[in-house]
Amino acid sequence: MRQLDSPAASLHSNLVIFRPCQPTRVANPPTGPHFIHEIKADGFRLLARREGKVIKLYSRGGTNWSRRYPLIAEAMGELRISSIVLDGEAVILDRKGRHDFDALWSHSRDGEARMLAFDIIELNGEDYRQKPLLERKRRLARLLAKARDGLEYVEHLTGDGATIFDHACRLGLEGIVSKHVAHPYRSGPSRSWRKVKNPLHPSIARVREAFEAERQRRKGQEGRWRGRELSW
């Protein structure tokens, strides 16, 4: 029986403020046998937790999304486990099987969202964070071997990172995330995980638009502040 002061129990109770691993953005993917590569999903980062029959879904910032994505919650409930915490991304697919970020952003098809799980953080009271990445992924692959709508395992690729990234770009994908096979799971920014983004993918334009909107907002605030100074 899991003790209340165990690392896994603490993880469950503090998941709302838990910081998932954040890959470092780099210009070129790493090379060598110590890294595997995953296709980057165009979705929302998601932490999925189940303890007994209670299921919670959290955004990267700790917002409770449990009711937003019923298909994911249902799939979590079908797992034959007592407790679990998964790390992954919520995505919605279009008719061609591509990630449809606009549908995810607009909440127009939240009922169709599924989770692409790429890491396991806790299972049945055991804290998996200190285990090597490959060991975590092997356990996750076995757990999700049975196909179920709403929850899928993220396969990884081995080989030359630059070649894999080139193919991802040719297919119009967002990019890749390269991960060190022997490192533990680290919360917050980490160079154990490194992402390379396709410069032609729509997500790049979204980042630029968000940056420009924030710049204009701050410029407007500065203008209003100066106006108040003049009026005084």
C-alpha atoms as a PDB file:
ATOM      1  CA  MET A   1       0.000   0.000   0.000  1.00  0.00           C
ATOM      2  CA  ARG A   2       1.380   3.404  -0.943  1.00  0.00           C
ATOM      3  CA  GLN A   3       2.417   5.605   1.984  1.00  0.00           C
ATOM      4  CA  LEU A   4       1.007   9.112   2.105  1.00  0.00           C
ATOM      5  CA  ASP A   5       4.461  10.655   2.301  1.00  0.00           C
ATOM      6  CA  SER A   6       5.904   8.616  -0.601  1.00  0.00           C
ATOM      7  CA  PRO A   7       7.264  10.481  -3.653  1.00  0.00           C
ATOM      8  CA  ALA A   8       4.473   9.061  -5.822  1.00  0.00           C
ATOM      9  CA  ALA A   9       1.740  10.157  -3.413  1.00  0.00           C
ATOM     10  CA  SER A  10       3.298  13.615  -3.205  1.00  0.00           C
ATOM     11  CA  LEU A  11       3.375  13.763  -6.999  1.00  0.00           C
ATOM     12  CA  HIS A  12      -0.344  13.024  -7.227  1.00  0.00           C
ATOM     13  CA  SER A  13      -1.268  15.612  -4.607  1.00  0.00           C
ATOM     14  CA  ASN A  14       0.915  18.308  -6.182  1.00  0.00           C
ATOM     15  CA  LEU A  15       0.307  17.604  -9.870  1.00  0.00           C
ATOM     16  CA  VAL A  16      -1.513  20.917 -10.271  1.00  0.00           C
ATOM     17  CA  ILE A  17       1.806  22.702  -9.650  1.00  0.00           C
ATOM     18  CA  PHE A  18       4.040  20.011 -11.173  1.00  0.00           C
ATOM     19  CA  ARG A  19       6.319  21.274 -13.942  1.00  0.00           C
ATOM     20  CA  PRO A  20       6.572  18.837 -16.854  1.00  0.00           C
ATOM     21  CA  CYS A  21       9.860  18.405 -18.662  1.00  0.00           C
ATOM     22  CA  GLN A  22      10.361  21.254 -21.141  1.00  0.00           C
ATOM     23  CA  PRO A  23      12.611  20.460 -24.103  1.00  0.00           C
ATOM     24  CA  THR A  24      15.300  22.959 -25.031  1.00  0.00           C
ATOM     25  CA  ARG A  25      14.881  24.408 -28.502  1.00  0.00           C
ATOM     26  CA  VAL A  26      17.966  23.902 -30.670  1.00  0.00           C
ATOM     27  CA  ALA A  27      18.865  24.675 -34.271  1.00  0.00           C
ATOM     28  CA  ASN A  28      19.966  21.131 -35.137  1.00  0.00           C
ATOM     29  CA  PRO A  29      19.012  17.741 -33.709  1.00  0.00           C
ATOM     30  CA  PRO A  30      21.622  15.847 -31.682  1.00  0.00           C
ATOM     31  CA  THR A  31      23.497  12.943 -33.210  1.00  0.00           C
ATOM     32  CA  GLY A  32      24.734   9.661 -31.837  1.00  0.00           C
ATOM     33  CA  PRO A  33      23.244   6.500 -30.306  1.00  0.00           C
ATOM     34  CA  HIS A  34      22.376   8.157 -26.998  1.00  0.00           C
ATOM     35  CA  PHE A  35      19.343   9.959 -28.465  1.00  0.00           C
ATOM     36  CA  ILE A  36      16.025   8.736 -29.803  1.00  0.00           C
ATOM     37  CA  HIS A  37      13.661  10.947 -31.775  1.00  0.00           C
ATOM     38  CA  GLU A  38       9.893  11.483 -31.605  1.00  0.00           C
ATOM     39  CA  ILE A  39       7.669  13.359 -34.030  1.00  0.00           C
ATOM     40  CA  LYS A  40       6.474  16.540 -32.329  1.00  0.00           C
ATOM     41  CA  ALA A  41       2.697  16.706 -31.993  1.00  0.00           C
ATOM     42  CA  ASP A  42       0.835  19.906 -32.825  1.00  0.00           C
ATOM     43  CA  GLY A  43      -1.339  20.000 -29.739  1.00  0.00           C
ATOM     44  CA  PHE A  44      -1.638  20.985 -26.076  1.00  0.00           C
ATOM     45  CA  ARG A  45       0.698  19.541 -23.447  1.00  0.00           C
ATOM     46  CA  LEU A  46      -1.259  17.345 -21.058  1.00  0.00           C
ATOM     47  CA  LEU A  47      -0.638  15.523 -17.788  1.00  0.00           C
ATOM     48  CA  ALA A  48      -3.113  12.705 -17.177  1.00  0.00           C
ATOM     49  CA  ARG A  49      -3.559  11.320 -13.682  1.00  0.00           C
ATOM     50  CA  ARG A  50      -5.649   8.500 -12.326  1.00  0.00           C
ATOM     51  CA  GLU A  51      -5.834   7.446  -8.696  1.00  0.00           C
ATOM     52  CA  GLY A  52      -8.341   4.683  -8.145  1.00  0.00           C
ATOM     53  CA  LYS A  53     -11.386   5.763 -10.129  1.00  0.00           C
ATOM     54  CA  VAL A  54     -10.584   9.486  -9.946  1.00  0.00           C
ATOM     55  CA  ILE A  55      -9.219  10.880 -13.222  1.00  0.00           C
ATOM     56  CA  LYS A  56      -7.721  14.347 -13.645  1.00  0.00           C
ATOM     57  CA  LEU A  57      -6.302  15.999 -16.746  1.00  0.00           C
ATOM     58  CA  TYR A  58      -4.083  19.051 -16.352  1.00  0.00           C
ATOM     59  CA  SER A  59      -2.615  21.561 -18.764  1.00  0.00           C
ATOM     60  CA  ARG A  60       1.078  22.471 -18.608  1.00  0.00           C
ATOM     61  CA  GLY A  61       0.117  25.444 -16.446  1.00  0.00           C
ATOM     62  CA  GLY A  62      -1.971  23.373 -14.018  1.00  0.00           C
ATOM     63  CA  THR A  63      -5.459  24.142 -15.383  1.00  0.00           C
ATOM     64  CA  ASN A  64      -7.943  21.322 -14.787  1.00  0.00           C
ATOM     65  CA  TRP A  65      -9.091  20.032 -18.180  1.00  0.00           C
ATOM     66  CA  SER A  66     -10.757  16.852 -16.910  1.00  0.00           C
ATOM     67  CA  ARG A  67     -14.179  17.722 -18.339  1.00  0.00           C
ATOM     68  CA  ARG A  68     -12.843  19.213 -21.560  1.00  0.00           C
ATOM     69  CA  TYR A  69     -11.552  15.924 -22.992  1.00  0.00           C
ATOM     70  CA  PRO A  70     -14.013  13.110 -22.146  1.00  0.00           C
ATOM     71  CA  LEU A  71     -12.527  10.616 -24.640  1.00  0.00           C
ATOM     72  CA  ILE A  72      -9.129  10.802 -22.940  1.00  0.00           C
ATOM     73  CA  ALA A  73     -10.675  10.480 -19.484  1.00  0.00           C
ATOM     74  CA  GLU A  74     -12.659   7.438 -20.607  1.00  0.00           C
ATOM     75  CA  ALA A  75      -9.536   5.774 -21.995  1.00  0.00           C
ATOM     76  CA  MET A  76      -7.651   6.448 -18.756  1.00  0.00           C
ATOM     77  CA  GLY A  77     -10.478   4.747 -16.873  1.00  0.00           C
ATOM     78  CA  GLU A  78     -10.057   1.569 -18.952  1.00  0.00           C
ATOM     79  CA  LEU A  79      -6.449   0.987 -17.896  1.00  0.00           C
ATOM     80  CA  ARG A  80      -5.952  -1.967 -15.558  1.00  0.00           C
ATOM     81  CA  ILE A  81      -3.963  -0.070 -12.947  1.00  0.00           C
ATOM     82  CA  SER A  82      -4.544   1.436  -9.506  1.00  0.00           C
ATOM     83  CA  SER A  83      -2.761   4.738 -10.156  1.00  0.00           C
ATOM     84  CA  ILE A  84      -0.826   6.403 -12.950  1.00  0.00           C
ATOM     85  CA  VAL A  85       0.522   9.731 -14.212  1.00  0.00           C
ATOM     86  CA  LEU A  86       1.187  10.128 -17.943  1.00  0.00           C
ATOM     87  CA  ASP A  87       2.859  12.931 -19.872  1.00  0.00           C
ATOM     88  CA  GLY A  88       1.834  13.661 -23.444  1.00  0.00           C
ATOM     89  CA  GLU A  89      -0.146  15.929 -25.755  1.00  0.00           C
ATOM     90  CA  ALA A  90      -3.826  16.343 -26.514  1.00  0.00           C
ATOM     91  CA  VAL A  91      -4.490  16.443 -30.258  1.00  0.00           C
ATOM     92  CA  ILE A  92      -7.434  16.449 -32.642  1.00  0.00           C
ATOM     93  CA  LEU A  93      -7.164  14.845 -36.073  1.00  0.00           C
ATOM     94  CA  ASP A  94      -8.635  16.129 -39.317  1.00  0.00           C
ATOM     95  CA  ARG A  95     -10.161  13.884 -41.999  1.00  0.00           C
ATOM     96  CA  LYS A  96      -6.708  13.088 -43.381  1.00  0.00           C
ATOM     97  CA  GLY A  97      -5.333  12.065 -39.997  1.00  0.00           C
ATOM     98  CA  ARG A  98      -3.287  15.239 -39.519  1.00  0.00           C
ATOM     99  CA  HIS A  99      -3.156  17.219 -36.291  1.00  0.00           C
ATOM    100  CA  ASP A 100      -5.744  20.005 -36.398  1.00  0.00           C
ATOM    101  CA  PHE A 101      -4.547  22.672 -33.968  1.00  0.00           C
ATOM    102  CA  ASP A 102      -7.276  25.132 -34.970  1.00  0.00           C
ATOM    103  CA  ALA A 103      -9.960  22.667 -33.855  1.00  0.00           C
ATOM    104  CA  LEU A 104      -8.134  22.197 -30.569  1.00  0.00           C
ATOM    105  CA  TRP A 105      -7.740  25.936 -30.026  1.00  0.00           C
ATOM    106  CA  SER A 106     -11.377  26.747 -30.862  1.00  0.00           C
ATOM    107  CA  HIS A 107     -12.754  23.968 -28.589  1.00  0.00           C
ATOM    108  CA  SER A 108     -15.135  23.109 -31.429  1.00  0.00           C
ATOM    109  CA  ARG A 109     -14.371  19.368 -31.250  1.00  0.00           C
ATOM    110  CA  ASP A 110     -13.076  18.797 -27.724  1.00  0.00           C
ATOM    111  CA  GLY A 111     -14.994  15.522 -27.546  1.00  0.00           C
ATOM    112  CA  GLU A 112     -12.702  14.094 -30.233  1.00  0.00           C
ATOM    113  CA  ALA A 113      -9.400  14.971 -28.558  1.00  0.00           C
ATOM    114  CA  ARG A 114      -7.048  12.091 -27.864  1.00  0.00           C
ATOM    115  CA  MET A 115      -3.850  11.890 -25.862  1.00  0.00           C
ATOM    116  CA  LEU A 116      -0.538  10.944 -27.424  1.00  0.00           C
ATOM    117  CA  ALA A 117       1.376   9.643 -24.385  1.00  0.00           C
ATOM    118  CA  PHE A 118       5.154   9.780 -24.628  1.00  0.00           C
ATOM    119  CA  ASP A 119       6.214   9.259 -20.994  1.00  0.00           C
ATOM    120  CA  ILE A 120       5.112   7.616 -17.775  1.00  0.00           C
ATOM    121  CA  ILE A 121       5.861   9.379 -14.495  1.00  0.00           C
ATOM    122  CA  GLU A 122       4.152   7.133 -11.926  1.00  0.00           C
ATOM    123  CA  LEU A 123       2.531   3.708 -11.984  1.00  0.00           C
ATOM    124  CA  ASN A 124       0.776   1.823  -9.178  1.00  0.00           C
ATOM    125  CA  GLY A 125       2.499   3.867  -6.498  1.00  0.00           C
ATOM    126  CA  GLU A 126       5.980   3.586  -8.016  1.00  0.00           C
ATOM    127  CA  ASP A 127       7.727   6.823  -8.963  1.00  0.00           C
ATOM    128  CA  TYR A 128       9.222   6.352 -12.444  1.00  0.00           C
ATOM    129  CA  ARG A 129      11.009   9.699 -12.692  1.00  0.00           C
ATOM    130  CA  GLN A 130      14.458   8.362 -11.791  1.00  0.00           C
ATOM    131  CA  LYS A 131      14.307   5.495 -14.278  1.00  0.00           C
ATOM    132  CA  PRO A 132      16.093   5.871 -17.654  1.00  0.00           C
ATOM    133  CA  LEU A 133      13.951   7.073 -20.529  1.00  0.00           C
ATOM    134  CA  LEU A 134      14.056   3.799 -22.470  1.00  0.00           C
ATOM    135  CA  GLU A 135      12.911   1.835 -19.431  1.00  0.00           C
ATOM    136  CA  ARG A 136      10.009   4.248 -18.963  1.00  0.00           C
ATOM    137  CA  LYS A 137       9.026   4.034 -22.623  1.00  0.00           C
ATOM    138  CA  ARG A 138       9.163   0.240 -22.672  1.00  0.00           C
ATOM    139  CA  ARG A 139       6.797   0.081 -19.695  1.00  0.00           C
ATOM    140  CA  LEU A 140       4.490   2.615 -21.288  1.00  0.00           C
ATOM    141  CA  ALA A 141       4.476   0.703 -24.580  1.00  0.00           C
ATOM    142  CA  ARG A 142       3.420  -2.500 -22.809  1.00  0.00           C
ATOM    143  CA  LEU A 143       0.725  -0.660 -20.880  1.00  0.00           C
ATOM    144  CA  LEU A 144      -0.769   0.873 -24.035  1.00  0.00           C
ATOM    145  CA  ALA A 145      -0.232  -2.119 -26.313  1.00  0.00           C
ATOM    146  CA  LYS A 146      -3.984  -2.679 -26.536  1.00  0.00           C
ATOM    147  CA  ALA A 147      -5.508  -0.173 -28.939  1.00  0.00           C
ATOM    148  CA  ARG A 148      -8.067   2.135 -27.342  1.00  0.00           C
ATOM    149  CA  ASP A 149      -9.730   5.258 -28.669  1.00  0.00           C
ATOM    150  CA  GLY A 150      -8.506   8.348 -26.836  1.00  0.00           C
ATOM    151  CA  LEU A 151      -5.070   7.194 -25.644  1.00  0.00           C
ATOM    152  CA  GLU A 152      -2.107   6.249 -27.825  1.00  0.00           C
ATOM    153  CA  TYR A 153       1.570   5.468 -27.291  1.00  0.00           C
ATOM    154  CA  VAL A 154       4.120   7.689 -29.064  1.00  0.00           C
ATOM    155  CA  GLU A 155       6.607   5.561 -30.960  1.00  0.00           C
ATOM    156  CA  HIS A 156      10.179   6.756 -31.310  1.00  0.00           C
ATOM    157  CA  LEU A 157      12.750   6.564 -34.080  1.00  0.00           C
ATOM    158  CA  THR A 158      16.436   5.719 -33.912  1.00  0.00           C
ATOM    159  CA  GLY A 159      19.096   6.840 -36.331  1.00  0.00           C
ATOM    160  CA  ASP A 160      20.503  10.097 -37.611  1.00  0.00           C
ATOM    161  CA  GLY A 161      18.564  13.005 -36.100  1.00  0.00           C
ATOM    162  CA  ALA A 162      19.203  15.325 -39.037  1.00  0.00           C
ATOM    163  CA  THR A 163      17.827  12.787 -41.524  1.00  0.00           C
ATOM    164  CA  ILE A 164      14.735  12.158 -39.400  1.00  0.00           C
ATOM    165  CA  PHE A 165      14.147  15.899 -39.045  1.00  0.00           C
ATOM    166  CA  ASP A 166      14.514  16.383 -42.811  1.00  0.00           C
ATOM    167  CA  HIS A 167      11.871  13.726 -43.473  1.00  0.00           C
ATOM    168  CA  ALA A 168       9.561  15.290 -40.877  1.00  0.00           C
ATOM    169  CA  CYS A 169       9.843  18.654 -42.634  1.00  0.00           C
ATOM    170  CA  ARG A 170       9.186  17.057 -46.042  1.00  0.00           C
ATOM    171  CA  LEU A 171       5.983  15.581 -44.637  1.00  0.00           C
ATOM    172  CA  GLY A 172       4.906  19.004 -43.325  1.00  0.00           C
ATOM    173  CA  LEU A 173       5.179  17.989 -39.666  1.00  0.00           C
ATOM    174  CA  GLU A 174       5.956  20.414 -36.830  1.00  0.00           C
ATOM    175  CA  GLY A 175       9.366  18.947 -36.063  1.00  0.00           C
ATOM    176  CA  ILE A 176      10.980  16.409 -33.756  1.00  0.00           C
ATOM    177  CA  VAL A 177      11.910  16.066 -30.095  1.00  0.00           C
ATOM    178  CA  SER A 178      15.167  14.239 -29.407  1.00  0.00           C
ATOM    179  CA  LYS A 179      15.579  12.612 -25.991  1.00  0.00           C
ATOM    180  CA  HIS A 180      18.560  11.107 -24.179  1.00  0.00           C
ATOM    181  CA  VAL A 181      17.881   7.413 -23.648  1.00  0.00           C
ATOM    182  CA  ALA A 182      19.627   7.091 -20.269  1.00  0.00           C
ATOM    183  CA  HIS A 183      18.471  10.209 -18.454  1.00  0.00           C
ATOM    184  CA  PRO A 184      15.751  10.395 -15.782  1.00  0.00           C
ATOM    185  CA  TYR A 185      12.625  12.522 -16.103  1.00  0.00           C
ATOM    186  CA  ARG A 186      13.499  16.100 -15.175  1.00  0.00           C
ATOM    187  CA  SER A 187      10.890  18.758 -14.400  1.00  0.00           C
ATOM    188  CA  GLY A 188      11.252  22.172 -16.001  1.00  0.00           C
ATOM    189  CA  PRO A 189      13.692  23.174 -18.757  1.00  0.00           C
ATOM    190  CA  SER A 190      16.033  20.352 -19.710  1.00  0.00           C
ATOM    191  CA  ARG A 191      18.678  19.637 -22.307  1.00  0.00           C
ATOM    192  CA  SER A 192      17.939  15.928 -21.987  1.00  0.00           C
ATOM    193  CA  TRP A 193      15.061  16.699 -24.348  1.00  0.00           C
ATOM    194  CA  ARG A 194      15.769  18.896 -27.381  1.00  0.00           C
ATOM    195  CA  LYS A 195      13.250  20.093 -29.932  1.00  0.00           C
ATOM    196  CA  VAL A 196      13.852  21.231 -33.500  1.00  0.00           C
ATOM    197  CA  LYS A 197      10.930  22.907 -35.260  1.00  0.00           C
ATOM    198  CA  ASN A 198      10.114  22.983 -38.944  1.00  0.00           C
ATOM    199  CA  PRO A 199      10.529  26.666 -39.954  1.00  0.00           C
ATOM    200  CA  LEU A 200       7.698  26.351 -42.500  1.00  0.00           C
ATOM    201  CA  HIS A 201       5.164  24.841 -40.099  1.00  0.00           C
ATOM    202  CA  PRO A 202       2.108  26.973 -39.118  1.00  0.00           C
ATOM    203  CA  SER A 203       3.125  26.753 -35.449  1.00  0.00           C
ATOM    204  CA  ILE A 204       6.031  29.111 -36.178  1.00  0.00           C
ATOM    205  CA  ALA A 205       3.617  31.706 -37.540  1.00  0.00           C
ATOM    206  CA  ARG A 206       1.459  31.300 -34.423  1.00  0.00           C
ATOM    207  CA  VAL A 207       4.467  32.048 -32.213  1.00  0.00           C
ATOM    208  CA  ARG A 208       5.318  35.152 -34.234  1.00  0.00           C
ATOM    209  CA  GLU A 209       1.702  36.367 -34.054  1.00  0.00           C
ATOM    210  CA  ALA A 210       1.576  35.824 -30.296  1.00  0.00           C
ATOM    211  CA  PHE A 211       4.880  37.687 -29.859  1.00  0.00           C
ATOM    212  CA  GLU A 212       3.661  40.613 -31.960  1.00  0.00           C
ATOM    213  CA  ALA A 213       0.337  40.756 -30.073  1.00  0.00           C
ATOM    214  CA  GLU A 214       2.211  40.867 -26.755  1.00  0.00           C
ATOM    215  CA  ARG A 215       4.543  43.570 -28.090  1.00  0.00           C
ATOM    216  CA  GLN A 216       1.590  45.695 -29.189  1.00  0.00           C
ATOM    217  CA  ARG A 217      -0.147  45.180 -25.845  1.00  0.00           C
ATOM    218  CA  ARG A 218       2.905  46.356 -23.918  1.00  0.00           C
ATOM    219  CA  LYS A 219       3.351  49.273 -26.295  1.00  0.00           C
ATOM    220  CA  GLY A 220      -0.253  50.308 -25.657  1.00  0.00           C
ATOM    221  CA  GLN A 221       0.225  50.071 -21.893  1.00  0.00           C
ATOM    222  CA  GLU A 222       3.347  52.202 -22.119  1.00  0.00           C
ATOM    223  CA  GLY A 223       1.452  54.803 -24.163  1.00  0.00           C
ATOM    224  CA  ARG A 224      -1.368  54.959 -21.618  1.00  0.00           C
ATOM    225  CA  TRP A 225       1.156  55.307 -18.771  1.00  0.00           C
ATOM    226  CA  ARG A 226       2.883  58.206 -20.517  1.00  0.00           C
ATOM    227  CA  GLY A 227      -0.488  59.829 -21.118  1.00  0.00           C
ATOM    228  CA  ARG A 228      -1.292  59.692 -17.431  1.00  0.00           C
ATOM    229  CA  GLU A 229       2.095  61.221 -16.619  1.00  0.00           C
ATOM    230  CA  LEU A 230       1.381  64.113 -18.974  1.00  0.00           C
ATOM    231  CA  SER A 231      -2.103  64.640 -17.506  1.00  0.00           C
ATOM    232  CA  TRP A 232      -0.657  64.840 -13.981  1.00  0.00           C
END
